[in-house]
N, C-alpha and C. Protein backbone atom coordinates (compact mmCIF):
# COMPACT_ATOMS: atom_id res chain seq x y z
N MET A 1 0.84 -1.17 0.03
CA MET A 1 0.01 -0.01 0.01
C MET A 1 0.90 1.23 0.00
N ALA A 2 0.43 2.29 -0.65
CA ALA A 2 1.17 3.47 -0.74
C ALA A 2 1.23 4.27 0.58
N ASN A 3 2.33 5.00 0.75
CA ASN A 3 2.46 5.67 2.04
C ASN A 3 1.65 6.99 2.07
N SER A 4 1.48 7.85 0.97
CA SER A 4 0.80 8.99 1.12
C SER A 4 -0.41 8.99 0.20
N MET A 5 -1.27 9.88 0.43
CA MET A 5 -2.49 9.99 -0.34
C MET A 5 -2.13 10.31 -1.76
N ALA A 6 -1.21 11.16 -1.99
CA ALA A 6 -0.77 11.47 -3.41
C ALA A 6 -0.41 10.21 -4.10
N GLU A 7 0.44 9.35 -3.46
CA GLU A 7 0.82 8.12 -4.01
C GLU A 7 -0.42 7.09 -4.25
N GLN A 8 -1.28 7.16 -3.35
CA GLN A 8 -2.55 6.28 -3.62
C GLN A 8 -3.26 6.72 -4.77
N LEU A 9 -3.45 8.05 -4.98
CA LEU A 9 -4.19 8.54 -6.07
C LEU A 9 -3.60 8.24 -7.40
N GLN A 10 -2.22 7.99 -7.36
CA GLN A 10 -1.57 7.75 -8.68
C GLN A 10 -1.50 6.25 -8.96
N GLN A 11 -1.94 5.50 -8.10
CA GLN A 11 -1.95 3.97 -8.27
C GLN A 11 -3.22 3.61 -9.08
N ASP A 12 -2.99 2.37 -9.81
CA ASP A 12 -4.09 1.88 -10.51
C ASP A 12 -4.92 0.95 -9.49
N MET A 13 -5.76 1.54 -8.77
CA MET A 13 -6.54 0.86 -7.80
C MET A 13 -7.71 0.01 -8.26
N GLN A 14 -7.91 -1.16 -7.80
CA GLN A 14 -9.19 -1.84 -8.17
C GLN A 14 -10.17 -1.77 -7.05
N CYS A 15 -11.35 -2.11 -7.23
CA CYS A 15 -12.36 -2.07 -6.25
C CYS A 15 -12.12 -2.75 -4.88
N GLU A 16 -11.41 -3.95 -5.12
CA GLU A 16 -11.03 -4.65 -3.90
C GLU A 16 -9.95 -3.91 -3.13
N GLY A 17 -9.36 -2.98 -3.75
CA GLY A 17 -8.34 -2.16 -2.93
C GLY A 17 -9.08 -1.35 -1.85
N LEU A 18 -10.41 -1.17 -1.97
CA LEU A 18 -11.21 -0.39 -0.97
C LEU A 18 -11.11 -1.17 0.35
N LEU A 19 -11.19 -2.52 0.25
CA LEU A 19 -11.08 -3.44 1.39
C LEU A 19 -9.85 -3.17 2.27
N GLU A 20 -8.77 -2.92 1.56
CA GLU A 20 -7.50 -2.70 2.22
C GLU A 20 -7.43 -1.26 2.69
N CYS A 21 -7.79 -0.29 1.77
CA CYS A 21 -7.65 1.10 2.03
C CYS A 21 -8.58 1.59 3.24
N ILE A 22 -9.77 1.24 3.03
CA ILE A 22 -10.67 1.82 3.95
C ILE A 22 -10.70 1.03 5.26
N HIS A 23 -10.61 -0.36 5.16
CA HIS A 23 -10.79 -1.18 6.31
C HIS A 23 -9.48 -1.83 6.78
N GLY A 24 -8.36 -1.72 6.10
CA GLY A 24 -7.22 -2.22 6.60
C GLY A 24 -7.09 -3.82 6.48
N LEU A 25 -7.91 -4.36 5.61
CA LEU A 25 -7.99 -5.85 5.36
C LEU A 25 -6.73 -6.30 4.71
N LYS A 26 -6.41 -7.54 5.06
CA LYS A 26 -5.12 -8.16 4.43
C LYS A 26 -5.60 -9.03 3.36
N GLN A 27 -4.60 -9.54 2.54
CA GLN A 27 -4.85 -10.36 1.40
C GLN A 27 -5.66 -11.62 1.80
N LEU A 28 -5.31 -12.19 2.87
CA LEU A 28 -6.09 -13.46 3.39
C LEU A 28 -7.46 -13.07 3.60
N ASP A 29 -7.73 -11.82 4.13
CA ASP A 29 -9.10 -11.52 4.46
C ASP A 29 -9.88 -11.33 3.15
N LYS A 30 -9.23 -10.73 2.17
CA LYS A 30 -9.87 -10.63 0.84
C LYS A 30 -10.12 -11.98 0.23
N ASP A 31 -9.26 -12.93 0.40
CA ASP A 31 -9.36 -14.26 -0.08
C ASP A 31 -10.57 -14.93 0.56
N CYS A 32 -10.68 -14.75 1.81
CA CYS A 32 -11.77 -15.43 2.59
C CYS A 32 -13.09 -14.76 2.15
N PHE A 33 -13.14 -13.41 1.97
CA PHE A 33 -14.27 -12.83 1.49
C PHE A 33 -14.70 -13.19 0.12
N ARG A 34 -13.78 -13.40 -0.74
CA ARG A 34 -14.04 -13.90 -2.12
C ARG A 34 -14.58 -15.33 -2.04
N ALA A 35 -14.04 -16.25 -1.18
CA ALA A 35 -14.52 -17.52 -1.02
C ALA A 35 -16.03 -17.54 -0.61
N LEU A 36 -16.42 -16.68 0.30
CA LEU A 36 -17.83 -16.66 0.72
C LEU A 36 -18.67 -16.02 -0.34
N VAL A 37 -18.14 -15.06 -1.04
CA VAL A 37 -18.95 -14.47 -2.04
C VAL A 37 -19.22 -15.45 -3.30
N GLU A 38 -18.15 -16.26 -3.52
CA GLU A 38 -18.32 -17.21 -4.62
C GLU A 38 -19.10 -18.46 -4.28
N SER A 39 -19.33 -18.71 -2.96
CA SER A 39 -20.07 -19.84 -2.51
C SER A 39 -21.66 -19.60 -2.72
N GLU A 40 -22.31 -20.63 -3.04
CA GLU A 40 -23.73 -20.56 -3.25
C GLU A 40 -24.48 -20.69 -1.88
N GLU A 41 -23.76 -21.16 -0.90
CA GLU A 41 -24.38 -21.19 0.41
C GLU A 41 -23.38 -20.70 1.53
N PRO A 42 -23.94 -20.45 2.75
CA PRO A 42 -22.91 -20.01 3.78
C PRO A 42 -21.98 -21.15 4.08
N LEU A 43 -20.72 -20.72 4.58
CA LEU A 43 -19.66 -21.68 4.82
C LEU A 43 -19.37 -21.64 6.31
N THR A 44 -18.84 -22.80 6.72
CA THR A 44 -18.29 -22.90 8.17
C THR A 44 -16.80 -22.25 8.06
N ILE A 45 -16.18 -22.18 9.22
CA ILE A 45 -14.79 -21.84 9.36
C ILE A 45 -14.02 -22.85 8.61
N ASP A 46 -14.29 -24.07 8.84
CA ASP A 46 -13.44 -25.11 8.23
C ASP A 46 -13.55 -25.15 6.77
N GLU A 47 -14.71 -24.89 6.18
CA GLU A 47 -14.91 -24.82 4.71
C GLU A 47 -14.07 -23.65 4.11
N VAL A 48 -14.25 -22.48 4.84
CA VAL A 48 -13.42 -21.30 4.36
C VAL A 48 -12.00 -21.67 4.40
N ALA A 49 -11.48 -22.27 5.49
CA ALA A 49 -9.97 -22.57 5.64
C ALA A 49 -9.61 -23.44 4.51
N GLU A 50 -10.47 -24.43 4.08
CA GLU A 50 -10.07 -25.37 3.07
C GLU A 50 -10.00 -24.59 1.76
N ARG A 51 -10.94 -23.75 1.42
CA ARG A 51 -10.97 -23.02 0.19
C ARG A 51 -9.82 -22.07 0.06
N VAL A 52 -9.35 -21.49 1.11
CA VAL A 52 -8.14 -20.52 1.02
C VAL A 52 -6.90 -21.26 1.38
N ASP A 53 -6.93 -22.52 1.60
CA ASP A 53 -5.79 -23.36 1.94
C ASP A 53 -4.96 -22.85 3.08
N ARG A 54 -5.65 -22.62 4.15
CA ARG A 54 -5.05 -22.13 5.46
C ARG A 54 -5.51 -22.92 6.49
N GLU A 55 -4.70 -22.82 7.73
CA GLU A 55 -5.17 -23.48 8.95
C GLU A 55 -6.49 -22.91 9.41
N ARG A 56 -7.22 -23.67 10.09
CA ARG A 56 -8.48 -23.19 10.59
C ARG A 56 -8.30 -21.95 11.52
N SER A 57 -7.34 -21.87 12.38
CA SER A 57 -7.18 -20.67 13.26
C SER A 57 -6.80 -19.57 12.53
N THR A 58 -6.09 -19.67 11.43
CA THR A 58 -5.68 -18.49 10.58
C THR A 58 -6.95 -17.90 9.88
N ALA A 59 -7.73 -18.95 9.25
CA ALA A 59 -9.00 -18.49 8.64
C ALA A 59 -9.91 -17.83 9.62
N TYR A 60 -9.98 -18.33 10.83
CA TYR A 60 -10.84 -17.83 11.82
C TYR A 60 -10.47 -16.35 12.14
N ARG A 61 -9.26 -16.04 12.19
CA ARG A 61 -8.78 -14.64 12.48
C ARG A 61 -9.24 -13.73 11.40
N ALA A 62 -9.18 -14.19 10.16
CA ALA A 62 -9.54 -13.43 8.98
C ALA A 62 -11.03 -13.18 8.98
N ILE A 63 -11.83 -14.25 9.32
CA ILE A 63 -13.30 -14.09 9.37
C ILE A 63 -13.60 -13.21 10.53
N GLN A 64 -12.91 -13.14 11.56
CA GLN A 64 -13.27 -12.27 12.68
C GLN A 64 -13.12 -10.74 12.16
N ARG A 65 -11.97 -10.49 11.44
CA ARG A 65 -11.74 -9.19 10.86
C ARG A 65 -12.88 -8.78 9.91
N LEU A 66 -13.26 -9.78 9.09
CA LEU A 66 -14.38 -9.48 8.14
C LEU A 66 -15.65 -9.15 8.98
N LEU A 67 -16.03 -9.86 9.87
CA LEU A 67 -17.22 -9.70 10.76
C LEU A 67 -17.13 -8.22 11.39
N GLN A 68 -15.95 -7.82 11.94
CA GLN A 68 -15.78 -6.54 12.63
C GLN A 68 -15.99 -5.48 11.54
N SER A 69 -15.53 -5.61 10.30
CA SER A 69 -15.57 -4.59 9.23
C SER A 69 -17.04 -4.64 8.65
N GLY A 70 -17.84 -5.57 9.03
CA GLY A 70 -19.27 -5.59 8.54
C GLY A 70 -19.38 -6.19 7.17
N PHE A 71 -18.40 -6.88 6.61
CA PHE A 71 -18.38 -7.47 5.26
C PHE A 71 -19.13 -8.82 5.24
N ILE A 72 -19.17 -9.44 6.31
CA ILE A 72 -19.88 -10.72 6.39
C ILE A 72 -20.78 -10.84 7.65
N GLN A 73 -21.66 -11.83 7.57
CA GLN A 73 -22.57 -11.92 8.61
C GLN A 73 -22.43 -13.47 9.27
N LYS A 74 -22.77 -13.63 10.34
CA LYS A 74 -22.70 -14.98 11.10
C LYS A 74 -24.07 -15.44 11.49
N GLU A 75 -24.31 -16.71 11.28
CA GLU A 75 -25.61 -17.32 11.63
C GLU A 75 -25.36 -18.59 12.36
N GLN A 76 -26.12 -18.73 13.44
CA GLN A 76 -25.97 -20.10 14.23
C GLN A 76 -26.91 -21.07 13.66
N VAL A 77 -26.36 -22.30 13.46
CA VAL A 77 -27.25 -23.42 13.00
C VAL A 77 -27.21 -24.45 14.15
N ASN A 78 -28.40 -24.85 14.54
CA ASN A 78 -28.67 -25.77 15.65
C ASN A 78 -28.72 -27.18 15.13
N TYR A 79 -28.06 -28.10 15.81
CA TYR A 79 -28.20 -29.56 15.54
C TYR A 79 -29.46 -30.04 16.29
N ASP A 80 -30.13 -30.96 15.69
CA ASP A 80 -31.34 -31.53 16.23
C ASP A 80 -31.08 -32.16 17.66
N GLN A 81 -30.03 -32.77 17.75
CA GLN A 81 -29.73 -33.53 19.03
C GLN A 81 -28.97 -32.57 20.05
N GLY A 82 -28.92 -31.28 19.79
CA GLY A 82 -28.27 -30.43 20.70
C GLY A 82 -26.96 -29.88 20.18
N GLY A 83 -26.56 -28.78 20.60
CA GLY A 83 -25.27 -28.15 19.94
C GLY A 83 -25.60 -27.29 18.78
N TYR A 84 -24.55 -26.72 18.26
CA TYR A 84 -24.68 -25.75 17.21
C TYR A 84 -23.34 -25.50 16.54
N TYR A 85 -23.34 -24.88 15.45
CA TYR A 85 -22.13 -24.37 14.72
C TYR A 85 -22.57 -23.09 13.99
N HIS A 86 -21.56 -22.42 13.57
CA HIS A 86 -21.76 -21.08 12.91
C HIS A 86 -21.44 -21.20 11.37
N VAL A 87 -22.23 -20.57 10.60
CA VAL A 87 -21.99 -20.35 9.18
C VAL A 87 -21.81 -18.88 8.87
N TYR A 88 -21.05 -18.63 7.79
CA TYR A 88 -20.79 -17.16 7.41
C TYR A 88 -21.17 -16.94 6.00
N TYR A 89 -21.69 -15.75 5.74
CA TYR A 89 -22.08 -15.30 4.44
C TYR A 89 -21.81 -13.78 4.27
N PRO A 90 -21.66 -13.46 2.91
CA PRO A 90 -21.32 -12.05 2.64
C PRO A 90 -22.49 -11.15 3.02
N THR A 91 -22.23 -9.85 3.45
CA THR A 91 -23.27 -8.90 3.64
C THR A 91 -23.62 -8.40 2.28
N ASP A 92 -24.82 -7.98 2.14
CA ASP A 92 -25.26 -7.40 0.90
C ASP A 92 -24.38 -6.28 0.41
N PRO A 93 -23.93 -6.37 -0.88
CA PRO A 93 -22.88 -5.40 -1.39
C PRO A 93 -23.40 -3.98 -1.39
N THR A 94 -24.74 -3.75 -1.42
CA THR A 94 -25.25 -2.33 -1.31
C THR A 94 -25.03 -1.84 0.05
N GLN A 95 -25.30 -2.64 1.03
CA GLN A 95 -25.06 -2.18 2.38
C GLN A 95 -23.58 -1.94 2.75
N ILE A 96 -22.67 -2.82 2.17
CA ILE A 96 -21.28 -2.53 2.28
C ILE A 96 -20.88 -1.17 1.68
N ALA A 97 -21.31 -0.97 0.41
CA ALA A 97 -21.02 0.29 -0.25
C ALA A 97 -21.57 1.41 0.44
N ASN A 98 -22.76 1.35 0.98
CA ASN A 98 -23.39 2.43 1.71
C ASN A 98 -22.52 2.80 3.05
N ASP A 99 -22.10 1.71 3.73
CA ASP A 99 -21.29 1.87 4.88
C ASP A 99 -19.95 2.49 4.52
N MET A 100 -19.36 2.03 3.37
CA MET A 100 -17.95 2.72 3.00
C MET A 100 -18.25 4.19 2.51
N GLN A 101 -19.34 4.47 1.95
CA GLN A 101 -19.65 5.79 1.52
C GLN A 101 -19.75 6.77 2.68
N ARG A 102 -20.45 6.20 3.77
CA ARG A 102 -20.64 6.95 5.02
C ARG A 102 -19.32 7.22 5.64
N MET A 103 -18.53 6.15 5.77
CA MET A 103 -17.22 6.27 6.30
C MET A 103 -16.28 7.27 5.61
N LEU A 104 -16.40 7.27 4.22
CA LEU A 104 -15.64 8.20 3.46
C LEU A 104 -16.13 9.63 3.62
N ASN A 105 -17.42 9.81 3.76
CA ASN A 105 -17.95 11.19 4.00
C ASN A 105 -17.49 11.70 5.36
N ASP A 106 -17.40 10.77 6.43
CA ASP A 106 -16.93 11.22 7.68
C ASP A 106 -15.52 11.59 7.68
N TRP A 107 -14.72 10.80 6.89
CA TRP A 107 -13.27 11.06 6.75
C TRP A 107 -13.13 12.38 6.00
N TYR A 108 -13.89 12.72 4.99
CA TYR A 108 -13.76 13.83 4.18
C TYR A 108 -14.09 15.12 5.11
N ALA A 109 -15.13 14.86 5.91
CA ALA A 109 -15.56 16.06 6.88
C ALA A 109 -14.33 16.38 7.85
N LYS A 110 -13.80 15.20 8.30
CA LYS A 110 -12.70 15.42 9.27
C LYS A 110 -11.48 15.98 8.69
N MET A 111 -11.14 15.61 7.44
CA MET A 111 -9.98 16.13 6.72
C MET A 111 -10.28 17.59 6.51
N GLY A 112 -11.45 18.07 5.98
CA GLY A 112 -11.83 19.40 5.79
C GLY A 112 -11.68 20.24 7.04
N GLN A 113 -11.97 19.74 8.23
CA GLN A 113 -11.80 20.43 9.51
C GLN A 113 -10.36 20.61 9.78
N LEU A 114 -9.56 19.46 9.60
CA LEU A 114 -8.09 19.72 9.80
C LEU A 114 -7.45 20.59 8.87
N ILE A 115 -7.90 20.58 7.56
CA ILE A 115 -7.27 21.65 6.62
C ILE A 115 -7.63 23.04 7.13
N GLN A 116 -8.82 23.23 7.62
CA GLN A 116 -9.24 24.67 8.04
C GLN A 116 -8.39 24.97 9.27
N GLU A 117 -8.22 23.92 10.20
CA GLU A 117 -7.33 24.25 11.29
C GLU A 117 -5.82 24.64 10.97
N PHE A 118 -5.39 23.94 9.91
CA PHE A 118 -4.10 24.23 9.39
C PHE A 118 -3.98 25.68 8.84
N GLU A 119 -5.00 26.03 8.03
CA GLU A 119 -4.96 27.39 7.46
C GLU A 119 -5.05 28.44 8.56
N ASP A 120 -6.01 28.16 9.64
CA ASP A 120 -6.13 29.14 10.72
C ASP A 120 -4.89 29.31 11.50
N LYS A 121 -4.17 28.21 11.70
CA LYS A 121 -2.97 28.21 12.51
C LYS A 121 -1.80 28.91 11.66
N TYR A 122 -1.73 28.71 10.43
CA TYR A 122 -0.50 29.30 9.68
C TYR A 122 -0.84 30.43 8.83
N GLU A 123 -2.07 30.95 8.82
CA GLU A 123 -2.40 32.11 8.05
C GLU A 123 -1.64 33.36 8.62
N GLY A 124 -0.95 34.03 7.71
CA GLY A 124 -0.11 35.12 8.21
C GLY A 124 1.15 34.99 8.70
N VAL A 125 1.53 33.64 8.76
CA VAL A 125 2.89 33.32 9.16
C VAL A 125 4.05 33.91 8.23
N GLU A 126 3.70 33.85 6.97
CA GLU A 126 4.67 34.24 6.00
C GLU A 126 5.04 35.68 6.02
N ASP A 127 4.16 36.57 6.47
CA ASP A 127 4.40 37.94 6.70
C ASP A 127 4.83 38.39 8.05
N GLY A 128 5.00 37.40 8.97
CA GLY A 128 5.52 37.72 10.27
C GLY A 128 4.34 37.99 11.23
N THR A 129 3.15 37.85 10.76
CA THR A 129 2.01 38.19 11.70
C THR A 129 1.68 36.79 12.37
N PRO A 130 1.59 36.75 13.67
CA PRO A 130 1.29 35.53 14.32
C PRO A 130 -0.22 35.08 13.93
N ALA A 131 -0.32 33.88 13.64
CA ALA A 131 -1.68 33.34 13.33
C ALA A 131 -2.61 33.27 14.52
N VAL A 132 -2.01 33.07 15.71
CA VAL A 132 -2.86 32.79 16.81
C VAL A 132 -2.27 33.92 17.86
N GLU A 133 -3.26 34.64 18.48
CA GLU A 133 -2.79 35.71 19.42
C GLU A 133 -2.25 34.91 20.66
N ASP A 134 -1.22 35.48 21.22
CA ASP A 134 -0.61 35.01 22.50
C ASP A 134 -1.32 35.65 23.54
N THR A 135 -2.11 35.03 24.34
CA THR A 135 -2.96 35.55 25.46
C THR A 135 -2.23 35.53 26.79
N ARG A 136 -0.97 35.06 26.77
CA ARG A 136 -0.23 35.09 28.13
C ARG A 136 0.21 36.49 28.35
N ALA A 137 0.01 36.92 29.56
CA ALA A 137 0.42 38.32 29.89
C ALA A 137 1.81 38.33 30.55
């Protein structure tokens, strides 16, 4: 991933890059998400691990990151004789896109605020006028 925003804007980014850029997801997380998207039915951790060719515990950590990011959902399936297991499936892409758009809007507003603070702080510095009055007596 690029270090600066300028470098990121120069990259040829694909839509999956949003998973990394906005949510900090790793390649394994993206592989697990793809496995769930490509499956016609929800998958268990063991099934995800098999599809991405990783140990169960490694796949479990990736699934937890995807759950935290809201990219997938978890459902409990009960056995008739007692006990249960969990299956995982992707969140609706429209909901994911809306969540990312909301996060981007929040980030944009925060950056606008920081840019205004920067301008207020350094305005007039080039001509020797302090940008902020010193209120100490």
